[in-house]
Protein backbone atom coordinates (compact mmCIF):
# COMPACT_ATOMS: atom_id res chain seq x y z
CA MET A 1 99.36 164.48 181.59
CA ARG A 2 102.11 163.93 179.07
CA CYS A 3 102.99 166.17 176.17
CA ARG A 4 103.61 163.98 173.15
CA ARG A 5 105.49 166.78 171.40
CA ARG A 6 108.04 167.16 174.17
CA GLY A 7 109.31 163.61 174.19
CA GLY A 8 106.87 162.41 176.86
CA GLU A 9 107.94 164.91 179.52
CA GLY A 10 105.19 166.04 181.87
CA CYS A 11 103.72 169.31 180.67
CA LEU A 12 101.12 171.05 182.81
CA GLN A 13 100.75 173.80 180.20
CA TYR A 14 99.80 171.11 177.67
CA ALA A 15 97.14 169.72 180.02
CA ILE A 16 95.72 173.19 180.61
CA HIS A 17 95.84 173.90 176.88
CA LEU A 18 94.02 170.69 175.94
CA ARG A 19 91.26 171.36 178.42
CA GLY A 20 90.86 174.91 177.11
CA GLU A 21 91.45 176.42 180.54
CA ALA A 22 93.06 179.76 181.25
CA GLY A 23 92.32 181.04 177.75
CA LEU A 24 95.63 179.80 176.38
CA GLU A 25 95.85 179.90 172.62
CA SER A 26 99.13 178.03 172.41
CA PRO A 27 101.47 177.28 175.31
CA PRO A 28 104.90 178.67 174.42
CA ASP A 29 106.71 175.49 175.46
CA CYS A 30 104.30 173.15 173.72
CA GLY A 31 103.54 174.45 170.24
CA PHE A 32 100.03 173.10 169.95
CA GLY A 33 97.43 175.02 167.95
CA GLU A 34 94.46 177.08 168.99
CA VAL A 35 91.83 176.02 171.52
CA GLY A 36 88.19 175.62 170.53
CA MET A 37 88.79 173.81 167.26
CA GLY A 38 87.28 170.51 168.44
CA THR A 39 88.96 167.72 170.31
CA GLU A 40 92.54 166.84 169.49
CA ARG A 41 93.21 163.18 168.80
CA ALA A 42 96.19 163.23 171.20
CA PHE A 43 93.85 164.18 174.02
CA VAL A 44 91.41 161.34 173.20
CA GLU A 45 94.33 158.91 173.12
CA TYR A 46 95.39 160.17 176.54
CA VAL A 47 91.84 159.70 177.92
CA ALA A 48 91.64 156.15 176.53
CA ASP A 49 95.09 155.39 177.96
CA GLN A 50 94.04 156.67 181.39
CA ALA A 51 91.06 154.27 181.36
CA ALA A 52 92.94 151.29 179.88
CA SER A 53 92.75 149.15 183.02
CA ALA A 54 88.93 149.38 182.97
CA GLY A 55 88.71 146.94 180.07
CA SER A 56 88.83 146.96 176.29
CA MET A 57 88.87 150.67 175.42
CA SER A 58 88.28 152.25 172.02
CA PHE A 59 87.12 155.57 170.64
CA ARG A 60 85.34 156.70 167.53
CA LYS A 61 84.99 160.08 165.91
CA MET A 62 81.37 161.22 165.82
CA PHE A 63 80.11 164.59 164.59
CA GLY A 64 83.56 166.13 164.92
CA GLU A 65 84.04 164.93 168.50
CA TYR A 66 84.64 161.49 170.04
CA ALA A 67 82.75 158.71 171.81
CA LEU A 68 84.75 156.57 174.25
CA TYR A 69 83.80 152.89 174.45
CA CYS A 70 84.49 150.32 177.16
CA GLU A 71 83.68 146.74 176.18
CA GLY A 72 81.59 148.07 173.28
CA LYS A 73 79.48 150.42 175.43
CA VAL A 74 79.56 154.21 175.10
CA VAL A 75 80.75 155.36 178.52
CA ALA A 76 81.97 158.88 177.78
CA LEU A 77 82.06 161.66 175.23
CA VAL A 78 85.11 163.81 174.60
CA CYS A 79 84.03 167.20 173.30
CA ASP A 80 86.15 170.35 173.03
CA ASN A 81 88.93 168.56 174.94
CA GLN A 82 86.66 167.92 177.92
CA VAL A 83 85.58 164.50 179.21
CA PHE A 84 81.90 163.85 179.89
CA VAL A 85 81.09 160.47 181.49
CA LYS A 86 77.61 158.99 181.13
CA PRO A 87 75.84 159.34 184.50
CA THR A 88 74.95 156.06 186.23
CA GLY A 89 74.08 155.36 189.85
CA PRO A 90 77.41 153.67 190.69
CA GLY A 91 79.38 156.30 188.75
CA VAL A 92 77.71 159.21 190.53
CA ALA A 93 78.30 157.50 193.90
CA TRP A 94 82.00 157.01 193.04
CA VAL A 95 82.50 160.62 191.93
CA GLY A 96 80.87 162.07 195.06
CA ALA A 97 80.66 165.82 194.50
CA VAL A 98 79.31 165.79 190.96
CA THR A 99 80.08 168.49 188.43
CA GLU A 100 77.69 168.26 185.51
CA GLY A 101 78.20 169.57 182.02
CA PHE A 102 76.60 169.38 178.62
CA PRO A 103 78.72 167.74 175.93
CA TYR A 104 76.71 169.38 173.14
CA PRO A 105 73.72 171.74 172.83
CA GLY A 106 70.46 170.03 173.79
CA ALA A 107 72.17 167.16 175.63
CA LYS A 108 71.16 165.92 179.06
CA PRO A 109 73.77 166.62 181.75
CA TRP A 110 76.75 164.24 181.95
CA LEU A 111 79.50 164.02 184.57
CA LEU A 112 82.20 166.54 183.68
CA ILE A 113 85.61 165.21 184.65
CA GLY A 114 88.28 167.79 185.35
CA GLU A 115 91.60 167.32 187.14
CA ALA A 116 90.55 163.85 188.36
CA LEU A 117 91.26 162.61 184.83
CA ASP A 118 94.95 162.68 185.70
CA ASP A 119 94.37 160.06 188.45
CA ARG A 120 94.56 156.92 186.30
CA GLU A 121 93.22 154.49 188.93
CA TRP A 122 90.31 156.74 189.91
CA PHE A 123 89.29 157.43 186.32
CA ALA A 124 89.58 153.77 185.25
CA ARG A 125 87.39 152.76 188.21
CA LEU A 126 84.77 155.33 187.18
CA ILE A 127 84.77 154.00 183.62
CA ARG A 128 84.50 150.37 184.84
CA LEU A 129 81.58 151.22 187.17
CA THR A 130 79.85 153.10 184.36
CA ALA A 131 80.32 150.28 181.84
CA ASP A 132 79.05 147.68 184.31
CA ALA A 133 75.90 149.72 184.95
CA LEU A 134 75.05 150.12 181.25
CA PRO A 135 73.22 147.52 179.16
CA LEU A 136 74.84 145.97 176.14
CA PRO A 137 74.06 147.86 172.94
CA LYS A 138 71.20 146.44 170.91
CA PRO A 139 72.34 144.54 167.83
CA ARG A 140 71.79 146.42 164.61
CA LYS A 141 69.13 145.13 162.29
CA PRO A 142 70.35 144.23 158.81
CA LYS A 143 69.39 146.68 156.11
CA LYS A 144 66.42 145.63 154.03
CA LEU A 145 67.02 145.45 150.34
CA THR A 146 64.34 147.10 148.26
CA ALA A 147 63.38 145.88 144.84
CA GLY A 148 63.95 148.56 142.33
């Protein structure tokens, strides 16, 4: 993982901080703010960059967190600086030993991606397999105009 505030140098403390591990409030060599305040945009950008070879990647802020899209399909959620990939048959087979997590209260379990996120090829392959297994989103119906 790269720390954008340290000129692109590798920064393990930054990676640990973004994932909210080890109870770090702010790594002394990094200067980032407190953990638990929602997902930081820099982390979402890093996740999208890691998956870039999977296809056309984008992300969108939703309810204070982020949805990650590949080719227009929601393939992952990024919540509290953690990556949750939508479970599909091919994705689960690729991951192997699955760690599940809940991106938000009341959600079904998704694949929780930890340190493997730093393996760009592995993560991009997971995102590609997931996107290929998902149907295209249904087109939105146009809003009906009501006579008033």
